[in-house]
Full PDB file with SEQRES, HELIX, SHEET, SSBOND, CRYST1, ORIGX, SCALE, CONECT and MASTER records, all heavy atoms in Angstrom:
SEQRES   1 A   39  TYR ALA SER VAL ILE GLU LYS PHE ARG PRO ASN SER PHE          
SEQRES   2 A   39  SER LYS GLY ASN ILE LYS ASN MET ASN GLY GLU VAL ILE          
SEQRES   3 A   39  GLY VAL HIS ASP GLY ILE ILE ASN TYR THR ILE GLY GLN          
HELIX    1 AA1 ALA A    2  PHE A    8  1                                   7    
HELIX    2 AA2 ILE A   32  ASN A   34  5                                   3    
SHEET    1 AA1 2 GLY A  16  LYS A  19  0                                        
SHEET    2 AA1 2 VAL A  25  HIS A  29 -1                                        
CRYST1    1.000    1.000    1.000  90.00  90.00  90.00 P 1           1          
ORIGX1      1.000000  0.000000  0.000000        0.00000                         
ORIGX2      0.000000  1.000000  0.000000        0.00000                         
ORIGX3      0.000000  0.000000  1.000000        0.00000                         
SCALE1      1.000000  0.000000  0.000000        0.00000                         
SCALE2      0.000000  1.000000  0.000000        0.00000                         
SCALE3      0.000000  0.000000  1.000000        0.00000                         
ATOM      1  N   TYR A   1      30.206 103.399 109.959  1.00  0.00           N  
ATOM      2  CA  TYR A   1      29.562 104.707 109.863  1.00  0.00           C  
ATOM      3  C   TYR A   1      29.789 105.356 108.507  1.00  0.00           C  
ATOM      4  O   TYR A   1      28.993 106.167 108.040  1.00  0.00           O  
ATOM      5  CB  TYR A   1      30.038 105.624 110.993  1.00  0.00           C  
ATOM      6  CG  TYR A   1      31.518 105.906 110.995  1.00  0.00           C  
ATOM      7  CD1 TYR A   1      32.050 106.921 110.215  1.00  0.00           C  
ATOM      8  CD2 TYR A   1      32.387 105.164 111.782  1.00  0.00           C  
ATOM      9  CE1 TYR A   1      33.402 107.189 110.217  1.00  0.00           C  
ATOM     10  CE2 TYR A   1      33.744 105.421 111.790  1.00  0.00           C  
ATOM     11  CZ  TYR A   1      34.246 106.432 111.007  1.00  0.00           C  
ATOM     12  OH  TYR A   1      35.594 106.695 110.998  1.00  0.00           O  
ATOM     13  N   ALA A   2      30.905 105.002 107.833  1.00  0.00           N  
ATOM     14  CA  ALA A   2      31.191 105.593 106.524  1.00  0.00           C  
ATOM     15  C   ALA A   2      30.102 105.233 105.514  1.00  0.00           C  
ATOM     16  O   ALA A   2      29.729 106.051 104.663  1.00  0.00           O  
ATOM     17  CB  ALA A   2      32.554 105.139 106.019  1.00  0.00           C  
ATOM     18  N   SER A   3      29.559 104.016 105.637  1.00  0.00           N  
ATOM     19  CA  SER A   3      28.499 103.608 104.707  1.00  0.00           C  
ATOM     20  C   SER A   3      27.225 104.403 104.937  1.00  0.00           C  
ATOM     21  O   SER A   3      26.471 104.680 103.999  1.00  0.00           O  
ATOM     22  CB  SER A   3      28.218 102.109 104.859  1.00  0.00           C  
ATOM     23  OG  SER A   3      27.654 101.815 106.130  1.00  0.00           O  
ATOM     24  N   VAL A   4      26.971 104.781 106.190  1.00  0.00           N  
ATOM     25  CA  VAL A   4      25.793 105.599 106.494  1.00  0.00           C  
ATOM     26  C   VAL A   4      25.951 106.983 105.875  1.00  0.00           C  
ATOM     27  O   VAL A   4      25.016 107.527 105.268  1.00  0.00           O  
ATOM     28  CB  VAL A   4      25.598 105.719 108.022  1.00  0.00           C  
ATOM     29  CG1 VAL A   4      24.461 106.686 108.346  1.00  0.00           C  
ATOM     30  CG2 VAL A   4      25.317 104.355 108.626  1.00  0.00           C  
ATOM     31  N   ILE A   5      27.142 107.567 106.029  1.00  0.00           N  
ATOM     32  CA  ILE A   5      27.391 108.885 105.457  1.00  0.00           C  
ATOM     33  C   ILE A   5      27.302 108.834 103.931  1.00  0.00           C  
ATOM     34  O   ILE A   5      26.733 109.721 103.296  1.00  0.00           O  
ATOM     35  CB  ILE A   5      28.760 109.413 105.909  1.00  0.00           C  
ATOM     36  CG1 ILE A   5      28.775 109.563 107.436  1.00  0.00           C  
ATOM     37  CG2 ILE A   5      29.095 110.739 105.234  1.00  0.00           C  
ATOM     38  CD1 ILE A   5      30.120 109.932 108.010  1.00  0.00           C  
ATOM     39  N   GLU A   6      27.831 107.781 103.357  1.00  0.00           N  
ATOM     40  CA  GLU A   6      27.778 107.629 101.902  1.00  0.00           C  
ATOM     41  C   GLU A   6      26.333 107.507 101.417  1.00  0.00           C  
ATOM     42  O   GLU A   6      25.974 108.024 100.352  1.00  0.00           O  
ATOM     43  CB  GLU A   6      28.574 106.405 101.473  1.00  0.00           C  
ATOM     44  CG  GLU A   6      28.674 106.233  99.960  1.00  0.00           C  
ATOM     45  CD  GLU A   6      29.558 105.073  99.563  1.00  0.00           C  
ATOM     46  OE1 GLU A   6      29.760 104.172 100.401  1.00  0.00           O  
ATOM     47  OE2 GLU A   6      30.066 105.081  98.423  1.00  0.00           O  
ATOM     48  N   LYS A   7      25.492 106.849 102.215  1.00  0.00           N  
ATOM     49  CA  LYS A   7      24.089 106.668 101.850  1.00  0.00           C  
ATOM     50  C   LYS A   7      23.350 108.004 101.804  1.00  0.00           C  
ATOM     51  O   LYS A   7      22.597 108.276 100.863  1.00  0.00           O  
ATOM     52  CB  LYS A   7      23.415 105.731 102.850  1.00  0.00           C  
ATOM     53  CG  LYS A   7      21.910 105.570 102.640  1.00  0.00           C  
ATOM     54  CD  LYS A   7      21.311 104.671 103.719  1.00  0.00           C  
ATOM     55  CE  LYS A   7      19.798 104.579 103.572  1.00  0.00           C  
ATOM     56  NZ  LYS A   7      19.193 103.726 104.633  1.00  0.00           N  
ATOM     57  N   PHE A   8      23.570 108.846 102.821  1.00  0.00           N  
ATOM     58  CA  PHE A   8      22.832 110.109 102.916  1.00  0.00           C  
ATOM     59  C   PHE A   8      23.548 111.272 102.239  1.00  0.00           C  
ATOM     60  O   PHE A   8      22.909 112.223 101.795  1.00  0.00           O  
ATOM     61  CB  PHE A   8      22.580 110.457 104.388  1.00  0.00           C  
ATOM     62  CG  PHE A   8      21.596 109.555 105.074  1.00  0.00           C  
ATOM     63  CD1 PHE A   8      22.031 108.539 105.905  1.00  0.00           C  
ATOM     64  CD2 PHE A   8      20.237 109.716 104.873  1.00  0.00           C  
ATOM     65  CE1 PHE A   8      21.127 107.696 106.537  1.00  0.00           C  
ATOM     66  CE2 PHE A   8      19.322 108.886 105.502  1.00  0.00           C  
ATOM     67  CZ  PHE A   8      19.764 107.869 106.333  1.00  0.00           C  
ATOM     68  N   ARG A   9      24.870 111.231 102.167  1.00  0.00           N  
ATOM     69  CA  ARG A   9      25.652 112.291 101.533  1.00  0.00           C  
ATOM     70  C   ARG A   9      26.657 111.652 100.570  1.00  0.00           C  
ATOM     71  O   ARG A   9      27.860 111.599 100.854  1.00  0.00           O  
ATOM     72  CB  ARG A   9      26.398 113.121 102.577  1.00  0.00           C  
ATOM     73  CG  ARG A   9      25.523 113.655 103.703  1.00  0.00           C  
ATOM     74  CD  ARG A   9      24.781 114.907 103.353  1.00  0.00           C  
ATOM     75  NE  ARG A   9      23.961 115.331 104.486  1.00  0.00           N  
ATOM     76  CZ  ARG A   9      24.399 116.074 105.503  1.00  0.00           C  
ATOM     77  NH1 ARG A   9      25.662 116.483 105.516  1.00  0.00           N  
ATOM     78  NH2 ARG A   9      23.593 116.406 106.502  1.00  0.00           N  
ATOM     79  N   PRO A  10      26.199 111.154  99.425  1.00  0.00           N  
ATOM     80  CA  PRO A  10      27.063 110.388  98.515  1.00  0.00           C  
ATOM     81  C   PRO A  10      28.247 111.172  97.956  1.00  0.00           C  
ATOM     82  O   PRO A  10      29.199 110.579  97.454  1.00  0.00           O  
ATOM     83  CB  PRO A  10      26.104 109.954  97.400  1.00  0.00           C  
ATOM     84  CG  PRO A  10      24.963 110.915  97.475  1.00  0.00           C  
ATOM     85  CD  PRO A  10      24.816 111.262  98.918  1.00  0.00           C  
ATOM     86  N   ASN A  11      28.228 112.491  98.021  1.00  0.00           N  
ATOM     87  CA  ASN A  11      29.321 113.290  97.455  1.00  0.00           C  
ATOM     88  C   ASN A  11      30.322 113.747  98.507  1.00  0.00           C  
ATOM     89  O   ASN A  11      31.077 114.702  98.293  1.00  0.00           O  
ATOM     90  CB  ASN A  11      28.740 114.510  96.732  1.00  0.00           C  
ATOM     91  CG  ASN A  11      27.847 114.129  95.559  1.00  0.00           C  
ATOM     92  OD1 ASN A  11      28.153 113.199  94.812  1.00  0.00           O  
ATOM     93  ND2 ASN A  11      26.728 114.836  95.408  1.00  0.00           N  
ATOM     94  N   SER A  12      30.326 113.074  99.653  1.00  0.00           N  
ATOM     95  CA  SER A  12      31.167 113.520 100.771  1.00  0.00           C  
ATOM     96  C   SER A  12      32.574 112.938 100.751  1.00  0.00           C  
ATOM     97  O   SER A  12      33.411 113.341 101.553  1.00  0.00           O  
ATOM     98  CB  SER A  12      30.495 113.142 102.099  1.00  0.00           C  
ATOM     99  OG  SER A  12      29.233 113.761 102.211  1.00  0.00           O  
ATOM    100  N   PHE A  13      32.831 111.990  99.866  1.00  0.00           N  
ATOM    101  CA  PHE A  13      34.129 111.317  99.873  1.00  0.00           C  
ATOM    102  C   PHE A  13      35.074 111.959  98.863  1.00  0.00           C  
ATOM    103  O   PHE A  13      35.303 111.444  97.777  1.00  0.00           O  
ATOM    104  CB  PHE A  13      33.951 109.828  99.551  1.00  0.00           C  
ATOM    105  CG  PHE A  13      33.254 109.058 100.633  1.00  0.00           C  
ATOM    106  CD1 PHE A  13      31.879 109.146 100.788  1.00  0.00           C  
ATOM    107  CD2 PHE A  13      33.970 108.264 101.508  1.00  0.00           C  
ATOM    108  CE1 PHE A  13      31.230 108.436 101.784  1.00  0.00           C  
ATOM    109  CE2 PHE A  13      33.334 107.549 102.508  1.00  0.00           C  
ATOM    110  CZ  PHE A  13      31.955 107.642 102.647  1.00  0.00           C  
ATOM    111  N   SER A  14      35.606 113.113  99.201  1.00  0.00           N  
ATOM    112  CA  SER A  14      36.549 113.780  98.301  1.00  0.00           C  
ATOM    113  C   SER A  14      37.978 113.580  98.798  1.00  0.00           C  
ATOM    114  O   SER A  14      38.263 113.652  99.989  1.00  0.00           O  
ATOM    115  CB  SER A  14      36.232 115.278  98.213  1.00  0.00           C  
ATOM    116  OG  SER A  14      36.264 115.875  99.492  1.00  0.00           O  
ATOM    117  N   LYS A  15      38.873 113.314  97.859  1.00  0.00           N  
ATOM    118  CA  LYS A  15      40.277 113.089  98.212  1.00  0.00           C  
ATOM    119  C   LYS A  15      40.929 114.377  98.703  1.00  0.00           C  
ATOM    120  O   LYS A  15      40.528 115.474  98.321  1.00  0.00           O  
ATOM    121  CB  LYS A  15      41.040 112.559  96.994  1.00  0.00           C  
ATOM    122  CG  LYS A  15      40.608 111.163  96.536  1.00  0.00           C  
ATOM    123  CD  LYS A  15      41.432 110.718  95.343  1.00  0.00           C  
ATOM    124  CE  LYS A  15      41.014 109.333  94.869  1.00  0.00           C  
ATOM    125  NZ  LYS A  15      41.325 108.295  95.893  1.00  0.00           N  
ATOM    126  N   GLY A  16      41.940 114.210  99.571  1.00  0.00           N  
ATOM    127  CA  GLY A  16      42.668 115.359 100.079  1.00  0.00           C  
ATOM    128  C   GLY A  16      44.050 114.940 100.543  1.00  0.00           C  
ATOM    129  O   GLY A  16      44.408 113.764 100.507  1.00  0.00           O  
ATOM    130  N   ASN A  17      44.812 115.913 100.995  1.00  0.00           N  
ATOM    131  CA  ASN A  17      46.198 115.647 101.385  1.00  0.00           C  
ATOM    132  C   ASN A  17      46.321 115.172 102.829  1.00  0.00           C  
ATOM    133  O   ASN A  17      45.576 115.599 103.712  1.00  0.00           O  
ATOM    134  CB  ASN A  17      47.051 116.905 101.213  1.00  0.00           C  
ATOM    135  CG  ASN A  17      47.259 117.261  99.752  1.00  0.00           C  
ATOM    136  OD1 ASN A  17      47.345 116.379  98.898  1.00  0.00           O  
ATOM    137  ND2 ASN A  17      47.343 118.556  99.460  1.00  0.00           N  
ATOM    138  N   ILE A  18      47.285 114.293 103.036  1.00  0.00           N  
ATOM    139  CA  ILE A  18      47.734 113.915 104.378  1.00  0.00           C  
ATOM    140  C   ILE A  18      49.091 114.578 104.590  1.00  0.00           C  
ATOM    141  O   ILE A  18      50.011 114.386 103.793  1.00  0.00           O  
ATOM    142  CB  ILE A  18      47.874 112.389 104.532  1.00  0.00           C  
ATOM    143  CG1 ILE A  18      46.524 111.712 104.282  1.00  0.00           C  
ATOM    144  CG2 ILE A  18      48.397 112.033 105.920  1.00  0.00           C  
ATOM    145  CD1 ILE A  18      46.594 110.195 104.314  1.00  0.00           C  
ATOM    146  N   LYS A  19      49.206 115.381 105.653  1.00  0.00           N  
ATOM    147  CA  LYS A  19      50.436 116.116 105.911  1.00  0.00           C  
ATOM    148  C   LYS A  19      51.041 115.719 107.246  1.00  0.00           C  
ATOM    149  O   LYS A  19      50.343 115.293 108.163  1.00  0.00           O  
ATOM    150  CB  LYS A  19      50.174 117.626 105.906  1.00  0.00           C  
ATOM    151  CG  LYS A  19      49.731 118.189 104.556  1.00  0.00           C  
ATOM    152  CD  LYS A  19      49.551 119.701 104.638  1.00  0.00           C  
ATOM    153  CE  LYS A  19      49.190 120.298 103.290  1.00  0.00           C  
ATOM    154  NZ  LYS A  19      49.034 121.779 103.358  1.00  0.00           N  
ATOM    155  N   ASN A  20      52.370 115.871 107.338  1.00  0.00           N  
ATOM    156  CA  ASN A  20      53.024 115.653 108.624  1.00  0.00           C  
ATOM    157  C   ASN A  20      53.023 116.962 109.417  1.00  0.00           C  
ATOM    158  O   ASN A  20      52.491 117.983 108.967  1.00  0.00           O  
ATOM    159  CB  ASN A  20      54.436 115.102 108.437  1.00  0.00           C  
ATOM    160  CG  ASN A  20      55.339 116.054 107.650  1.00  0.00           C  
ATOM    161  OD1 ASN A  20      55.080 117.260 107.558  1.00  0.00           O  
ATOM    162  ND2 ASN A  20      56.414 115.515 107.079  1.00  0.00           N  
ATOM    163  N   MET A  21      53.644 116.947 110.585  1.00  0.00           N  
ATOM    164  CA  MET A  21      53.617 118.110 111.464  1.00  0.00           C  
ATOM    165  C   MET A  21      54.393 119.294 110.890  1.00  0.00           C  
ATOM    166  O   MET A  21      54.228 120.428 111.345  1.00  0.00           O  
ATOM    167  CB  MET A  21      54.177 117.741 112.838  1.00  0.00           C  
ATOM    168  CG  MET A  21      53.363 116.696 113.592  1.00  0.00           C  
ATOM    169  SD  MET A  21      51.660 117.212 113.903  1.00  0.00           S  
ATOM    170  CE  MET A  21      51.917 118.583 115.036  1.00  0.00           C  
ATOM    171  N   ASN A  22      55.213 119.056 109.879  1.00  0.00           N  
ATOM    172  CA  ASN A  22      55.959 120.135 109.233  1.00  0.00           C  
ATOM    173  C   ASN A  22      55.218 120.718 108.038  1.00  0.00           C  
ATOM    174  O   ASN A  22      55.749 121.586 107.344  1.00  0.00           O  
ATOM    175  CB  ASN A  22      57.329 119.616 108.773  1.00  0.00           C  
ATOM    176  CG  ASN A  22      58.211 119.193 109.934  1.00  0.00           C  
ATOM    177  OD1 ASN A  22      58.205 119.841 110.990  1.00  0.00           O  
ATOM    178  ND2 ASN A  22      58.961 118.111 109.756  1.00  0.00           N  
ATOM    179  N   GLY A  23      54.012 120.210 107.788  1.00  0.00           N  
ATOM    180  CA  GLY A  23      53.222 120.713 106.679  1.00  0.00           C  
ATOM    181  C   GLY A  23      53.557 120.083 105.341  1.00  0.00           C  
ATOM    182  O   GLY A  23      53.068 120.543 104.301  1.00  0.00           O  
ATOM    183  N   GLU A  24      54.360 119.025 105.357  1.00  0.00           N  
ATOM    184  CA  GLU A  24      54.744 118.352 104.115  1.00  0.00           C  
ATOM    185  C   GLU A  24      53.691 117.308 103.735  1.00  0.00           C  
ATOM    186  O   GLU A  24      53.211 116.548 104.592  1.00  0.00           O  
ATOM    187  CB  GLU A  24      56.098 117.672 104.286  1.00  0.00           C  
ATOM    188  CG  GLU A  24      57.223 118.639 104.644  1.00  0.00           C  
ATOM    189  CD  GLU A  24      58.476 117.927 105.121  1.00  0.00           C  
ATOM    190  OE1 GLU A  24      58.357 116.780 105.614  1.00  0.00           O  
ATOM    191  OE2 GLU A  24      59.562 118.523 105.004  1.00  0.00           O  
ATOM    192  N   VAL A  25      53.337 117.264 102.450  1.00  0.00           N  
ATOM    193  CA  VAL A  25      52.378 116.278 101.968  1.00  0.00           C  
ATOM    194  C   VAL A  25      53.065 114.918 101.889  1.00  0.00           C  
ATOM    195  O   VAL A  25      54.076 114.755 101.206  1.00  0.00           O  
ATOM    196  CB  VAL A  25      51.824 116.667 100.578  1.00  0.00           C  
ATOM    197  CG1 VAL A  25      50.880 115.584 100.061  1.00  0.00           C  
ATOM    198  CG2 VAL A  25      51.101 118.010 100.656  1.00  0.00           C  
ATOM    199  N   ILE A  26      52.518 113.943 102.602  1.00  0.00           N  
ATOM    200  CA  ILE A  26      53.128 112.607 102.613  1.00  0.00           C  
ATOM    201  C   ILE A  26      52.160 111.525 102.134  1.00  0.00           C  
ATOM    202  O   ILE A  26      52.499 110.338 102.115  1.00  0.00           O  
ATOM    203  CB  ILE A  26      53.628 112.233 104.026  1.00  0.00           C  
ATOM    204  CG1 ILE A  26      52.473 112.275 105.039  1.00  0.00           C  
ATOM    205  CG2 ILE A  26      54.750 113.161 104.456  1.00  0.00           C  
ATOM    206  CD1 ILE A  26      52.870 111.777 106.420  1.00  0.00           C  
ATOM    207  N   GLY A  27      50.953 111.938 101.735  1.00  0.00           N  
ATOM    208  CA  GLY A  27      49.995 110.954 101.245  1.00  0.00           C  
ATOM    209  C   GLY A  27      48.685 111.608 100.855  1.00  0.00           C  
ATOM    210  O   GLY A  27      48.524 112.830 100.940  1.00  0.00           O  
ATOM    211  N   VAL A  28      47.747 110.779 100.405  1.00  0.00           N  
ATOM    212  CA  VAL A  28      46.422 111.243  99.987  1.00  0.00           C  
ATOM    213  C   VAL A  28      45.369 110.374 100.663  1.00  0.00           C  
ATOM    214  O   VAL A  28      45.503 109.147 100.740  1.00  0.00           O  
ATOM    215  CB  VAL A  28      46.265 111.156  98.449  1.00  0.00           C  
ATOM    216  CG1 VAL A  28      44.859 111.553  98.029  1.00  0.00           C  
ATOM    217  CG2 VAL A  28      47.295 112.051  97.758  1.00  0.00           C  
ATOM    218  N   HIS A  29      44.313 111.012 101.156  1.00  0.00           N  
ATOM    219  CA  HIS A  29      43.219 110.259 101.785  1.00  0.00           C  
ATOM    220  C   HIS A  29      41.989 110.251 100.877  1.00  0.00           C  
ATOM    221  O   HIS A  29      41.891 111.044  99.943  1.00  0.00           O  
ATOM    222  CB  HIS A  29      42.860 110.863 103.152  1.00  0.00           C  
ATOM    223  CG  HIS A  29      42.302 112.254 103.084  1.00  0.00           C  
ATOM    224  ND1 HIS A  29      41.005 112.524 102.706  1.00  0.00           N  
ATOM    225  CD2 HIS A  29      42.870 113.467 103.349  1.00  0.00           C  
ATOM    226  CE1 HIS A  29      40.782 113.820 102.758  1.00  0.00           C  
ATOM    227  NE2 HIS A  29      41.908 114.424 103.139  1.00  0.00           N  
ATOM    228  N   ASP A  30      41.044 109.378 101.185  1.00  0.00           N  
ATOM    229  CA  ASP A  30      39.827 109.238 100.377  1.00  0.00           C  
ATOM    230  C   ASP A  30      38.620 109.914 100.993  1.00  0.00           C  
ATOM    231  O   ASP A  30      37.480 109.683 100.571  1.00  0.00           O  
ATOM    232  CB  ASP A  30      39.505 107.747 100.176  1.00  0.00           C  
ATOM    233  CG  ASP A  30      40.530 107.055  99.294  1.00  0.00           C  
ATOM    234  OD1 ASP A  30      41.010 107.699  98.333  1.00  0.00           O  
ATOM    235  OD2 ASP A  30      40.858 105.886  99.570  1.00  0.00           O  
ATOM    236  N   GLY A  31      38.840 110.755 101.985  1.00  0.00           N  
ATOM    237  CA  GLY A  31      37.733 111.456 102.637  1.00  0.00           C  
ATOM    238  C   GLY A  31      37.966 111.565 104.124  1.00  0.00           C  
ATOM    239  O   GLY A  31      38.307 110.571 104.786  1.00  0.00           O  
ATOM    240  N   ILE A  32      37.805 112.762 104.688  1.00  0.00           N  
ATOM    241  CA  ILE A  32      38.112 112.962 106.102  1.00  0.00           C  
ATOM    242  C   ILE A  32      37.167 112.187 107.012  1.00  0.00           C  
ATOM    243  O   ILE A  32      37.483 111.967 108.189  1.00  0.00           O  
ATOM    244  CB  ILE A  32      38.090 114.458 106.482  1.00  0.00           C  
ATOM    245  CG1 ILE A  32      36.686 115.056 106.277  1.00  0.00           C  
ATOM    246  CG2 ILE A  32      39.136 115.234 105.719  1.00  0.00           C  
ATOM    247  CD1 ILE A  32      36.558 116.464 106.810  1.00  0.00           C  
ATOM    248  N   ILE A  33      36.015 111.745 106.486  1.00  0.00           N  
ATOM    249  CA  ILE A  33      35.085 111.009 107.334  1.00  0.00           C  
ATOM    250  C   ILE A  33      35.643 109.644 107.732  1.00  0.00           C  
ATOM    251  O   ILE A  33      35.097 108.989 108.618  1.00  0.00           O  
ATOM    252  CB  ILE A  33      33.718 110.825 106.651  1.00  0.00           C  
ATOM    253  CG1 ILE A  33      33.869 109.980 105.386  1.00  0.00           C  
ATOM    254  CG2 ILE A  33      33.091 112.155 106.344  1.00  0.00           C  
ATOM    255  CD1 ILE A  33      32.537 109.593 104.787  1.00  0.00           C  
ATOM    256  N   ASN A  34      36.715 109.217 107.088  1.00  0.00           N  
ATOM    257  CA  ASN A  34      37.332 107.936 107.427  1.00  0.00           C  
ATOM    258  C   ASN A  34      38.338 108.050 108.568  1.00  0.00           C  
ATOM    259  O   ASN A  34      38.998 107.065 108.911  1.00  0.00           O  
ATOM    260  CB  ASN A  34      38.037 107.353 106.196  1.00  0.00           C  
ATOM    261  CG  ASN A  34      37.074 106.981 105.091  1.00  0.00           C  
ATOM    262  OD1 ASN A  34      36.154 106.205 105.294  1.00  0.00           O  
ATOM    263  ND2 ASN A  34      37.270 107.563 103.907  1.00  0.00           N  
ATOM    264  N   TYR A  35      38.451 109.248 109.159  1.00  0.00           N  
ATOM    265  CA  TYR A  35      39.488 109.481 110.165  1.00  0.00           C  
ATOM    266  C   TYR A  35      38.916 110.127 111.423  1.00  0.00           C  
ATOM    267  O   TYR A  35      37.965 110.916 111.356  1.00  0.00           O  
ATOM    268  CB  TYR A  35      40.586 110.389 109.598  1.00  0.00           C  
ATOM    269  CG  TYR A  35      41.287 109.806 108.390  1.00  0.00           C  
ATOM    270  CD1 TYR A  35      40.745 109.955 107.115  1.00  0.00           C  
ATOM    271  CD2 TYR A  35      42.475 109.098 108.526  1.00  0.00           C  
ATOM    272  CE1 TYR A  35      41.376 109.414 105.999  1.00  0.00           C  
ATOM    273  CE2 TYR A  35      43.114 108.553 107.421  1.00  0.00           C  
ATOM    274  CZ  TYR A  35      42.558 108.714 106.161  1.00  0.00           C  
ATOM    275  OH  TYR A  35      43.182 108.173 105.066  1.00  0.00           O  
ATOM    276  N   THR A  36      39.510 109.788 112.549  1.00  0.00           N  
ATOM    277  CA  THR A  36      39.186 110.431 113.822  1.00  0.00           C  
ATOM    278  C   THR A  36      40.492 110.769 114.544  1.00  0.00           C  
ATOM    279  O   THR A  36      41.512 110.111 114.338  1.00  0.00           O  
ATOM    280  CB  THR A  36      38.335 109.525 114.733  1.00  0.00           C  
ATOM    281  OG1 THR A  36      39.031 108.299 114.974  1.00  0.00           O  
ATOM    282  CG2 THR A  36      36.992 109.226 114.112  1.00  0.00           C  
ATOM    283  N   ILE A  37      40.442 111.781 115.396  1.00  0.00           N  
ATOM    284  CA  ILE A  37      41.624 112.173 116.159  1.00  0.00           C  
ATOM    285  C   ILE A  37      42.098 111.001 117.023  1.00  0.00           C  
ATOM    286  O   ILE A  37      41.306 110.354 117.706  1.00  0.00           O  
ATOM    287  CB  ILE A  37      41.323 113.383 117.058  1.00  0.00           C  
ATOM    288  CG1 ILE A  37      40.824 114.560 116.227  1.00  0.00           C  
ATOM    289  CG2 ILE A  37      42.556 113.774 117.872  1.00  0.00           C  
ATOM    290  CD1 ILE A  37      41.834 115.086 115.239  1.00  0.00           C  
ATOM    291  N   GLY A  38      43.392 110.730 116.978  1.00  0.00           N  
ATOM    292  CA  GLY A  38      43.957 109.636 117.758  1.00  0.00           C  
ATOM    293  C   GLY A  38      44.051 108.331 117.006  1.00  0.00           C  
ATOM    294  O   GLY A  38      44.633 107.358 117.507  1.00  0.00           O  
ATOM    295  N   GLN A  39      43.475 108.288 115.794  1.00  0.00           N  
ATOM    296  CA  GLN A  39      43.494 107.056 115.006  1.00  0.00           C  
ATOM    297  C   GLN A  39      44.915 106.692 114.607  1.00  0.00           C  
ATOM    298  O   GLN A  39      45.726 107.538 114.234  1.00  0.00           O  
ATOM    299  CB  GLN A  39      42.629 107.250 113.757  1.00  0.00           C  
ATOM    300  CG  GLN A  39      42.570 106.060 112.822  1.00  0.00           C  
ATOM    301  CD  GLN A  39      41.649 106.323 111.644  1.00  0.00           C  
ATOM    302  OE1 GLN A  39      40.695 107.087 111.741  1.00  0.00           O  
ATOM    303  NE2 GLN A  39      41.939 105.695 110.510  1.00  0.00           N  
TER     304      GLN A  39                                                      
MASTER        0    0    0    2    2    0    0    6  303    1    0    3          
END                                                                             
């Protein structure tokens, strides 16, 4: 599905922070569209 989103909305893949439950930054993601709850 990420390729479909990239096709129609090519500017949707912006990097952002990955945080733990304490609000601490523990990583960086390449776009929230690559994630779903429970993953």
